[in-house]
Protein backbone atom coordinates (compact mmCIF):
# COMPACT_ATOMS: atom_id res chain seq x y z
CA MET A 1 -6.83 33.03 21.77
CA ASN A 2 -8.16 30.84 18.97
CA GLY A 3 -11.55 29.54 17.95
CA ASN A 4 -10.66 25.94 18.84
CA PRO A 5 -9.13 26.04 22.32
CA GLY A 6 -6.97 23.03 23.03
CA LEU A 7 -6.71 21.83 19.42
CA VAL A 8 -3.12 21.10 18.33
CA LEU A 9 -3.43 18.54 15.49
CA GLY A 10 -6.26 17.87 13.04
CA PRO A 11 -6.55 15.42 10.14
CA GLY A 12 -3.79 15.44 7.55
CA PRO A 13 -3.95 16.69 3.97
CA GLU A 14 -5.42 14.67 1.13
CA GLY A 15 -3.22 11.73 0.20
CA TRP A 16 -1.95 11.14 3.75
CA TRP A 17 -2.78 8.09 5.85
CA ASP A 18 -4.54 10.29 8.47
CA SER A 19 -6.56 12.57 6.20
CA GLU A 20 -9.92 11.57 7.76
CA ARG A 21 -9.18 11.49 11.49
CA VAL A 22 -6.40 11.48 14.10
CA SER A 23 -6.51 10.01 17.59
CA SER A 24 -4.59 8.61 20.59
CA PRO A 25 -1.51 10.87 21.01
CA GLN A 26 1.58 9.23 22.54
CA VAL A 27 4.05 12.02 23.29
CA LEU A 28 7.73 11.86 24.26
CA ARG A 29 10.08 14.72 25.01
CA GLU A 30 13.53 13.87 23.69
CA ASP A 31 16.86 14.56 25.40
CA ASP A 32 17.61 17.32 22.87
CA GLY A 33 14.42 19.17 23.83
CA GLY A 34 12.43 18.14 20.77
CA TRP A 35 9.09 16.36 20.92
CA LYS A 36 7.71 13.30 19.13
CA MET A 37 4.07 12.24 18.90
CA TRP A 38 2.90 8.88 17.60
CA TYR A 39 -0.83 8.61 16.98
CA TYR A 40 -3.34 6.59 15.00
CA GLY A 41 -5.97 7.48 12.43
CA ARG A 42 -7.19 6.68 8.96
CA ASP A 43 -7.96 8.04 5.51
CA PRO A 44 -11.33 7.75 3.69
CA SER A 45 -10.19 4.72 1.67
CA PHE A 46 -9.52 2.58 4.76
CA ASP A 47 -11.90 -0.39 5.20
CA ARG A 48 -15.27 1.21 6.08
CA ALA A 49 -16.58 -2.04 7.54
CA ILE A 50 -14.15 -1.52 10.45
CA ASN A 51 -16.05 1.14 12.38
CA PHE A 52 -13.29 2.21 14.78
CA PRO A 53 -10.91 5.22 14.86
CA ALA A 54 -7.78 3.06 14.49
CA GLY A 55 -6.44 2.10 11.09
CA ARG A 56 -2.78 2.99 10.70
CA SER A 57 -0.27 4.86 12.89
CA GLY A 58 2.19 7.65 12.19
CA LEU A 59 4.57 10.24 13.62
CA ALA A 60 4.67 14.01 14.07
CA VAL A 61 7.47 16.14 15.54
CA SER A 62 7.60 19.49 17.30
CA SER A 63 10.09 21.91 18.82
CA ASP A 64 7.73 22.95 21.62
CA GLY A 65 5.08 20.22 21.90
CA ILE A 66 2.41 22.60 20.60
CA ALA A 67 2.99 23.16 16.87
CA TRP A 68 3.35 19.78 15.13
CA GLU A 69 4.69 18.72 11.74
CA ARG A 70 3.98 15.33 10.19
CA VAL A 71 6.89 13.08 9.29
CA ARG A 72 6.35 10.85 6.27
CA GLY A 73 6.91 7.24 7.24
CA PRO A 74 7.93 4.35 4.96
CA LEU A 75 4.50 2.68 4.69
CA THR A 76 1.20 3.42 2.95
CA MET A 77 0.61 7.17 2.51
CA GLY A 78 3.32 7.98 5.07
CA ALA A 79 2.30 5.69 7.93
CA VAL A 80 4.84 4.01 10.23
CA LEU A 81 2.66 1.04 11.26
CA GLU A 82 -0.17 -0.57 9.32
CA PRO A 83 -2.18 -3.82 9.31
CA HIS A 84 -0.17 -7.00 8.86
CA PRO A 85 -0.63 -8.76 5.48
CA ASP A 86 -1.08 -12.18 7.12
CA PRO A 87 -4.88 -12.60 7.51
CA TYR A 88 -4.42 -15.05 10.40
CA ARG A 89 -2.67 -12.50 12.61
CA PHE A 90 -4.48 -10.54 15.31
CA ASP A 91 -3.54 -7.21 13.66
CA SER A 92 -4.48 -7.89 10.04
CA GLY A 93 -7.51 -5.57 10.02
CA HIS A 94 -6.44 -2.36 11.78
CA VAL A 95 -3.75 -1.14 14.19
CA GLY A 96 -3.35 1.80 16.55
CA VAL A 97 -0.40 2.92 18.68
CA THR A 98 -1.32 3.20 22.36
CA ASN A 99 2.05 3.56 24.11
CA VAL A 100 5.67 4.39 23.26
CA HIS A 101 8.63 4.14 25.66
CA ARG A 102 12.30 4.88 25.03
CA LEU A 103 14.55 2.27 26.64
CA ASP A 104 18.19 1.26 26.10
CA GLY A 105 18.50 3.16 22.82
CA LEU A 106 15.28 1.75 21.35
CA TYR A 107 11.72 2.92 21.02
CA TRP A 108 9.22 0.35 22.27
CA MET A 109 5.67 0.62 20.93
CA TRP A 110 2.65 -1.14 22.34
CA TYR A 111 -0.35 -1.04 20.09
CA LEU A 112 -3.86 -2.41 19.62
CA GLY A 113 -4.63 -4.64 16.69
CA GLY A 114 -7.83 -6.11 15.32
CA ASN A 115 -8.24 -8.81 12.70
CA GLN A 116 -10.77 -9.06 9.88
CA GLU A 117 -13.21 -11.31 11.71
CA ASP A 118 -16.85 -10.30 12.20
CA VAL A 119 -17.56 -10.61 15.93
CA GLY A 120 -21.07 -10.77 17.34
CA ARG A 121 -22.07 -8.55 20.24
CA GLY A 122 -25.73 -8.71 21.14
CA GLN A 123 -27.70 -8.58 17.89
CA MET A 124 -24.93 -6.74 16.04
CA ARG A 125 -21.74 -7.88 14.35
CA TYR A 126 -18.58 -5.80 14.20
CA LYS A 127 -15.57 -6.34 11.96
CA GLY A 128 -12.25 -5.95 13.79
CA LEU A 129 -13.81 -5.80 17.26
CA ARG A 130 -11.61 -8.45 18.89
CA MET A 131 -8.73 -6.10 19.60
CA LEU A 132 -5.59 -7.41 21.34
CA PRO A 133 -2.20 -5.92 22.36
CA GLY A 134 0.95 -6.09 20.26
CA CYS A 135 4.51 -4.79 20.53
CA ALA A 136 7.09 -3.40 18.08
CA ILE A 137 10.57 -1.86 18.41
CA SER A 138 12.44 0.81 16.44
CA ARG A 139 15.73 2.69 16.45
CA ASP A 140 14.41 5.85 14.79
CA GLY A 141 10.67 5.90 15.56
CA LEU A 142 9.84 5.51 11.86
CA HIS A 143 10.84 1.94 10.96
CA TRP A 144 9.25 -0.62 13.26
CA THR A 145 9.77 -4.37 13.71
CA ARG A 146 6.97 -6.36 15.31
CA ILE A 147 7.76 -8.70 18.21
CA ASP A 148 5.55 -11.76 17.89
CA GLY A 149 3.47 -12.71 20.90
CA PRO A 150 2.06 -16.18 21.63
CA TYR A 151 -1.54 -15.63 20.43
CA HIS A 152 -1.62 -15.05 16.65
CA GLY A 153 1.15 -12.51 17.26
CA ALA A 154 -0.61 -10.78 20.18
CA LEU A 155 0.87 -10.50 23.67
CA LEU A 156 -2.40 -11.54 25.37
CA ALA A 157 -5.24 -13.86 24.41
CA PRO A 158 -8.86 -12.94 25.12
CA GLY A 159 -10.26 -14.40 28.32
CA GLY A 160 -12.26 -17.58 28.49
CA GLU A 161 -16.03 -17.76 28.33
CA GLY A 162 -17.61 -15.77 31.15
CA GLN A 163 -14.48 -13.78 31.97
CA PHE A 164 -14.50 -9.98 31.86
CA ASP A 165 -12.08 -9.84 28.91
CA ALA A 166 -13.56 -12.64 26.78
CA LEU A 167 -14.47 -10.16 24.04
CA LEU A 168 -11.23 -8.19 23.75
CA CYS A 169 -8.09 -6.96 25.54
CA ASN A 170 -8.01 -3.45 24.18
CA TRP A 171 -5.83 -0.36 24.29
CA PRO A 172 -2.66 -1.52 26.11
CA ARG A 173 -0.76 1.00 28.20
CA VAL A 174 2.37 -0.05 30.08
CA LEU A 175 4.35 1.20 33.06
CA LYS A 176 7.85 0.05 33.95
CA ASP A 177 7.84 0.04 37.72
CA ASP A 178 10.63 0.94 40.12
CA ASP A 179 11.44 -2.73 40.81
CA GLY A 180 12.01 -3.43 37.10
CA THR A 181 8.73 -5.25 36.49
CA TRP A 182 6.18 -4.08 33.94
CA LYS A 183 2.45 -3.48 34.34
CA LEU A 184 0.14 -3.58 31.31
CA TYR A 185 -3.28 -1.96 31.72
CA TYR A 186 -6.00 -2.69 29.19
CA HIS A 187 -9.81 -2.60 29.08
CA SER A 188 -12.60 -4.78 27.82
CA ARG A 189 -16.31 -4.40 27.15
CA ARG A 190 -18.76 -6.65 28.96
CA PRO A 191 -21.97 -8.06 27.45
CA ASP A 192 -24.00 -5.49 29.44
CA GLY A 193 -22.11 -2.66 27.72
CA GLY A 194 -19.99 -1.61 30.70
CA ALA A 195 -16.20 -1.48 30.69
CA THR A 196 -13.58 -2.93 33.01
CA VAL A 197 -9.84 -2.26 33.26
CA GLY A 198 -7.61 -5.30 33.55
CA LEU A 199 -3.96 -5.76 34.48
CA ALA A 200 -1.16 -8.05 33.32
CA ILE A 201 2.38 -8.10 34.69
CA SER A 202 5.73 -8.99 33.11
CA PRO A 203 9.40 -9.29 34.07
CA ASP A 204 10.58 -7.95 30.70
CA GLY A 205 7.72 -6.22 28.85
CA LEU A 206 7.24 -9.21 26.53
CA ARG A 207 5.99 -12.20 28.56
CA TRP A 208 2.77 -11.32 30.32
CA GLU A 209 0.61 -12.94 33.00
CA LYS A 210 -2.89 -11.65 33.68
CA VAL A 211 -3.76 -10.47 37.19
CA GLY A 212 -7.44 -9.86 36.48
CA PRO A 213 -9.95 -6.99 36.59
CA ILE A 214 -8.89 -4.04 38.76
CA PHE A 215 -11.22 -1.09 37.99
CA GLY A 216 -14.82 -0.91 36.86
CA ASP A 217 -17.92 1.24 36.35
CA GLY A 218 -18.67 4.39 38.29
CA ALA A 219 -21.75 4.76 40.46
CA PRO A 220 -25.17 4.74 38.72
CA GLY A 221 -25.78 8.13 37.16
CA ALA A 222 -22.17 9.24 37.60
CA TRP A 223 -20.12 10.79 34.79
CA ASP A 224 -18.33 7.43 34.34
CA SER A 225 -21.22 5.05 35.03
CA GLY A 226 -20.65 3.51 31.58
CA GLY A 227 -17.22 2.41 32.69
CA PRO A 228 -13.58 3.41 32.21
CA GLY A 229 -11.91 3.17 28.83
CA CYS A 230 -8.55 4.41 27.61
CA ARG A 231 -6.18 5.43 30.38
CA HIS A 232 -2.67 6.57 31.29
CA VAL A 233 -1.01 5.28 34.46
CA LEU A 234 2.08 7.05 35.79
CA LYS A 235 3.81 7.56 39.11
CA VAL A 236 4.05 10.98 40.74
CA ASP A 237 5.69 11.40 44.15
CA GLY A 238 5.36 7.67 44.83
CA ASP A 239 1.64 7.44 44.03
CA TYR A 240 0.14 5.67 41.03
CA LEU A 241 -2.18 7.96 39.09
CA MET A 242 -4.66 6.70 36.52
CA PHE A 243 -6.05 9.39 34.24
CA TYR A 244 -8.92 7.68 32.44
CA GLU A 245 -11.78 8.43 30.08
CA GLY A 246 -15.23 7.57 31.32
CA ARG A 247 -18.60 7.37 29.58
CA GLY A 248 -21.76 8.78 31.11
CA VAL A 249 -25.35 7.66 30.62
CA ASP A 250 -25.69 10.37 27.94
CA GLY A 251 -22.90 8.80 25.86
CA TYR A 252 -20.54 11.74 26.40
CA TYR A 253 -16.96 11.19 27.57
CA SER A 254 -14.81 13.08 30.08
CA ILE A 255 -11.52 12.41 31.89
CA GLY A 256 -11.13 11.64 35.59
CA LEU A 257 -8.53 10.37 38.02
CA ALA A 258 -8.05 7.30 40.19
CA VAL A 259 -5.19 6.77 42.65
CA SER A 260 -3.39 3.74 44.03
CA THR A 261 -0.51 2.90 46.35
CA ASP A 262 0.44 -0.32 44.55
CA GLY A 263 -0.85 0.03 40.97
CA ILE A 264 -3.36 -2.77 41.56
CA HIS A 265 -5.98 -1.53 44.02
CA TRP A 266 -7.59 1.74 42.88
CA GLU A 267 -9.91 4.37 44.29
CA ARG A 268 -11.59 7.20 42.40
CA ASP A 269 -10.13 10.56 43.36
CA ASP A 270 -12.65 13.08 44.71
CA ASN A 271 -10.42 16.05 45.49
CA GLY A 272 -11.18 18.28 42.52
CA ASP A 273 -13.30 21.40 42.11
CA GLU A 274 -16.34 19.27 41.22
CA PRO A 275 -16.87 16.56 43.88
CA GLY A 276 -17.77 13.28 42.28
CA GLY A 277 -17.15 14.65 38.80
CA PRO A 278 -14.40 14.40 36.20
CA TYR A 279 -11.32 16.61 36.27
CA PHE A 280 -11.49 17.47 32.56
CA ARG A 281 -14.86 17.66 30.83
CA HIS A 282 -15.88 17.68 27.21
CA ALA A 283 -16.76 21.18 25.97
CA PRO A 284 -20.35 22.32 26.69
CA LYS A 285 -23.06 20.44 24.85
CA GLY A 286 -24.42 22.35 21.90
CA SER A 287 -21.40 24.68 21.80
CA GLY A 288 -20.30 23.47 18.37
CA ARG A 289 -16.76 23.08 19.65
CA TRP A 290 -14.45 20.43 18.29
CA ASP A 291 -14.43 18.42 21.57
CA ALA A 292 -18.05 18.87 22.74
CA ARG A 293 -18.93 15.14 22.54
CA ALA A 294 -15.87 13.54 24.08
CA VAL A 295 -12.41 14.00 25.51
CA GLY A 296 -10.39 10.84 25.99
CA THR A 297 -7.19 8.80 25.47
CA PRO A 298 -5.26 10.97 27.97
CA TRP A 299 -1.47 11.08 27.87
CA VAL A 300 0.11 13.12 30.70
CA VAL A 301 3.62 14.59 30.42
CA PRO A 302 5.39 15.96 33.54
CA LEU A 303 7.38 19.12 32.82
CA ASP A 304 10.60 20.38 34.39
CA ASP A 305 8.84 23.08 36.40
CA GLY A 306 6.57 20.54 38.13
CA SER A 307 3.52 21.26 35.98
CA PHE A 308 1.90 18.85 33.52
CA ARG A 309 0.55 18.68 30.00
CA MET A 310 -2.24 16.37 28.99
CA TYR A 311 -2.62 15.39 25.33
CA TYR A 312 -6.01 13.96 24.44
CA VAL A 313 -8.42 13.20 21.61
CA GLY A 314 -11.53 15.31 21.19
CA VAL A 315 -14.69 14.34 19.33
CA ASN A 316 -17.39 16.67 18.02
CA GLU A 317 -21.14 16.35 18.32
CA GLY A 318 -23.40 15.33 15.48
CA GLY A 319 -22.00 11.94 14.49
CA HIS A 320 -23.92 8.72 15.02
CA ASP A 321 -20.89 6.39 15.09
CA GLU A 322 -17.09 6.45 15.02
CA LEU A 323 -16.78 7.12 11.30
CA SER A 324 -19.30 9.96 11.20
CA SER A 325 -17.59 11.83 14.06
CA ARG A 326 -14.48 13.98 13.72
CA HIS A 327 -11.53 12.94 15.89
CA GLN A 328 -8.74 15.45 16.54
CA ILE A 329 -5.90 15.87 19.03
CA GLY A 330 -5.78 18.49 21.77
CA MET A 331 -3.69 19.59 24.72
CA ALA A 332 -4.54 20.81 28.21
CA VAL A 333 -2.23 22.28 30.88
CA SER A 334 -2.38 21.78 34.62
CA ASP A 335 -2.82 24.53 37.18
CA GLY A 336 0.86 24.58 38.08
CA ARG A 337 1.72 21.44 40.04
CA ASN A 338 -1.96 20.65 40.63
CA TYR A 339 -2.74 17.73 38.33
CA ARG A 340 -6.35 17.77 39.52
CA ARG A 341 -7.15 20.99 37.67
CA TRP A 342 -6.78 21.45 33.90
CA PHE A 343 -7.26 24.15 31.29
CA ARG A 344 -7.33 23.81 27.52
CA TYR A 345 -4.28 25.27 25.89
CA ASP A 346 -4.94 28.81 24.56
CA GLU A 347 -8.34 29.10 26.25
């Protein structure tokens, strides 16, 4: 047992790109049994006007998926992906890896990027808020080449005035389906503060066509009434599963599940121990634990024995915004083959 159940990776040492915070684990188990985790974060010198967890992205490796060692990348302070130097690109302000696939001998990374524009939302303005999806490829997971999309380098443009994704198309996650097509899930924030998940489809993972909004806010007063955010969609036994973070009226985040037969039409799953509730909650309020404010950005890994691991980001209480909160990476394990019940590792 340890004093921080679930915690597997905290901020890096001084002088590293991730010395302030780490977030958004993307985990692959390699054919040789080793593990790789790409994630995003930042150091204290990163642009403070961009009040988001993303900044740069990097890599860690592990022999068991539990104990992780950072790998120094070729970019600033050991990062493997960082903002583009061209100020007109969509990813010139900050970047964050949100998905990595291995396909045909290459690693494919989808990532979020924000530029240096100040975007108004209500009476506030936010630098780097207009986040859009990008793509990069690599042979070794360390050296990445961006693939330019049609909108200032991004794969998708924000929606038109009045559309649900007019503000941003954030946090892309992709699924290559059984018929060879690709589905890209992303979310956006509406003017009323709620969140909506959108979908785009592609024949090749590069050229995308929007389908539209597919999943929205929970019921008033529910644990996810503030809407769904970051999510992982995968197929298990022919069903599409969406593990997603949701925000409650108290501003705390937990992780729940939605299911689908086609990857387009979704229903919230209500088969857990807590009817109508999430399947993985933040630690108890006031406990002082590292993930007592939020658990989110789920990434679920099926194991050979039929069980699952879920890597996630945890956030502590006490902060008043993204930069004053501490973001770290944790892991939970399923109750055998039951992906509706989770326990923090080493709890």
